[in-house]
Amino acid sequence: MLSKISEDWNLTDVLNSLGSRSAQKADLIMANSKSAEKRVRQIEKRTVRNRAIKSEIKTLQKKTLTAAEGGNADEAKSAFSAFASAVDKAAKRNVINDSKAANMKSRTNKAIKPA
């Protein structure tokens, strides 16, 4: 996702193209210091990155569940492996909470076990 962003775009344009509420807020925020302005920029970057990571996790979870529903156990196992890896990485980077990561993996694994 971040690779698609060209260098001549500013973050407000990127967030607007994603339909972000934070872009609307960024136009309204009047930072009182340079450090506060920098924090706003950093938060916007992290928001875009975190949103892309969460979206990828949801996609991998759907692929895993679809493979399990189709009865393809090998495909479901490999999809679950990729899903679990992505969830663990997101938890390690504090994109999602560790407990949420464990719950997501547990629920998904429980759903594919019968397959």
Protein backbone atom coordinates (compact mmCIF):
# COMPACT_ATOMS: atom_id res chain seq x y z
CA MET A 1 0.00 0.00 0.00
CA LEU A 2 2.70 2.45 0.95
CA SER A 3 4.63 1.65 -2.22
CA LYS A 4 1.72 3.03 -4.28
CA ILE A 5 2.09 6.46 -2.72
CA SER A 6 4.09 8.77 -4.92
CA GLU A 7 6.59 11.16 -3.41
CA ASP A 8 4.85 14.31 -4.63
CA TRP A 9 1.71 13.54 -2.62
CA ASN A 10 1.41 14.88 0.86
CA LEU A 11 -0.17 12.82 3.62
CA THR A 12 -3.41 14.76 3.58
CA ASP A 13 -3.91 13.81 -0.09
CA VAL A 14 -3.19 10.16 0.70
CA LEU A 15 -5.59 10.10 3.63
CA ASN A 16 -8.26 11.87 1.57
CA SER A 17 -7.90 9.27 -1.17
CA LEU A 18 -8.44 6.56 1.44
CA GLY A 19 -11.50 8.32 2.80
CA SER A 20 -9.85 9.01 6.12
CA ARG A 21 -11.41 11.02 8.90
CA SER A 22 -7.96 11.92 10.18
CA ALA A 23 -7.35 13.91 6.98
CA GLN A 24 -10.34 16.05 7.82
CA LYS A 25 -9.05 16.44 11.37
CA ALA A 26 -5.53 17.23 10.14
CA ASP A 27 -6.87 20.25 8.27
CA LEU A 28 -8.49 21.50 11.48
CA ILE A 29 -5.56 20.84 13.83
CA MET A 30 -3.52 23.86 14.73
CA ALA A 31 -0.37 22.55 16.36
CA ASN A 32 1.18 24.86 18.91
CA SER A 33 4.77 23.79 18.39
CA LYS A 34 7.05 22.18 15.83
CA SER A 35 7.16 18.99 17.84
CA ALA A 36 3.35 18.85 17.90
CA GLU A 37 3.27 19.27 14.10
CA LYS A 38 5.77 16.44 13.78
CA ARG A 39 3.67 14.21 16.03
CA VAL A 40 0.63 14.84 13.80
CA ARG A 41 2.66 13.83 10.73
CA GLN A 42 3.95 10.70 12.46
CA ILE A 43 0.46 9.68 13.60
CA GLU A 44 -0.90 10.08 10.07
CA LYS A 45 1.86 7.87 8.64
CA ARG A 46 1.27 5.20 11.27
CA THR A 47 -2.48 5.33 10.69
CA VAL A 48 -2.06 4.60 6.99
CA ARG A 49 0.42 1.80 7.67
CA ASN A 50 -1.66 0.21 10.44
CA ARG A 51 -4.80 0.34 8.32
CA ALA A 52 -3.01 -1.53 5.51
CA ILE A 53 -1.71 -4.19 7.93
CA LYS A 54 -5.17 -4.74 9.47
CA SER A 55 -6.72 -5.00 6.03
CA GLU A 56 -4.16 -7.63 5.01
CA ILE A 57 -4.90 -9.63 8.16
CA LYS A 58 -8.64 -9.61 7.40
CA THR A 59 -7.96 -10.74 3.83
CA LEU A 60 -5.77 -13.64 5.01
CA GLN A 61 -8.40 -14.67 7.54
CA LYS A 62 -11.09 -14.72 4.85
CA LYS A 63 -8.84 -16.83 2.58
CA THR A 64 -8.28 -19.29 5.41
CA LEU A 65 -11.97 -19.63 6.22
CA THR A 66 -12.92 -19.92 2.55
CA ALA A 67 -10.39 -22.72 2.05
CA ALA A 68 -11.71 -24.51 5.14
CA GLU A 69 -15.32 -24.21 3.97
CA GLY A 70 -14.32 -25.61 0.59
CA GLY A 71 -12.99 -28.71 2.34
CA ASN A 72 -9.41 -28.21 1.15
CA ALA A 73 -7.45 -29.04 4.32
CA ASP A 74 -3.96 -28.52 2.87
CA GLU A 75 -4.82 -25.11 1.47
CA ALA A 76 -6.52 -24.15 4.74
CA LYS A 77 -3.42 -25.12 6.74
CA SER A 78 -1.06 -23.12 4.53
CA ALA A 79 -3.44 -20.13 4.54
CA PHE A 80 -3.71 -20.36 8.33
CA SER A 81 0.07 -20.41 8.61
CA ALA A 82 0.32 -17.17 6.59
CA PHE A 83 -2.53 -15.65 8.61
CA ALA A 84 -0.96 -16.57 11.97
CA SER A 85 2.38 -15.16 10.86
CA ALA A 86 0.80 -11.85 9.82
CA VAL A 87 -1.15 -11.62 13.10
CA ASP A 88 1.98 -12.31 15.16
CA LYS A 89 3.94 -9.65 13.28
CA ALA A 90 1.13 -7.13 13.78
CA ALA A 91 1.04 -7.92 17.50
CA LYS A 92 4.83 -7.60 17.74
CA ARG A 93 4.62 -4.14 16.12
CA ASN A 94 1.74 -3.13 18.44
CA VAL A 95 -0.70 -2.72 15.56
CA ILE A 96 -3.08 -5.03 17.41
CA ASN A 97 -3.11 -6.11 21.03
CA ASP A 98 -1.44 -9.42 21.96
CA SER A 99 -4.69 -10.77 23.42
CA LYS A 100 -6.62 -9.87 20.28
CA ALA A 101 -3.98 -11.63 18.19
CA ALA A 102 -4.32 -14.78 20.30
CA ASN A 103 -8.12 -14.65 20.08
CA MET A 104 -8.07 -14.18 16.30
CA LYS A 105 -5.72 -17.13 15.81
CA SER A 106 -7.70 -19.31 18.22
CA ARG A 107 -11.07 -18.59 16.61
CA THR A 108 -9.74 -19.09 13.10
CA ASN A 109 -7.99 -22.33 14.03
CA LYS A 110 -11.16 -23.57 15.73
CA ALA A 111 -13.15 -22.81 12.57
CA ILE A 112 -10.78 -24.75 10.30
CA LYS A 113 -10.28 -27.78 12.59
CA PRO A 114 -13.35 -29.70 11.32
CA ALA A 115 -12.13 -29.29 7.71
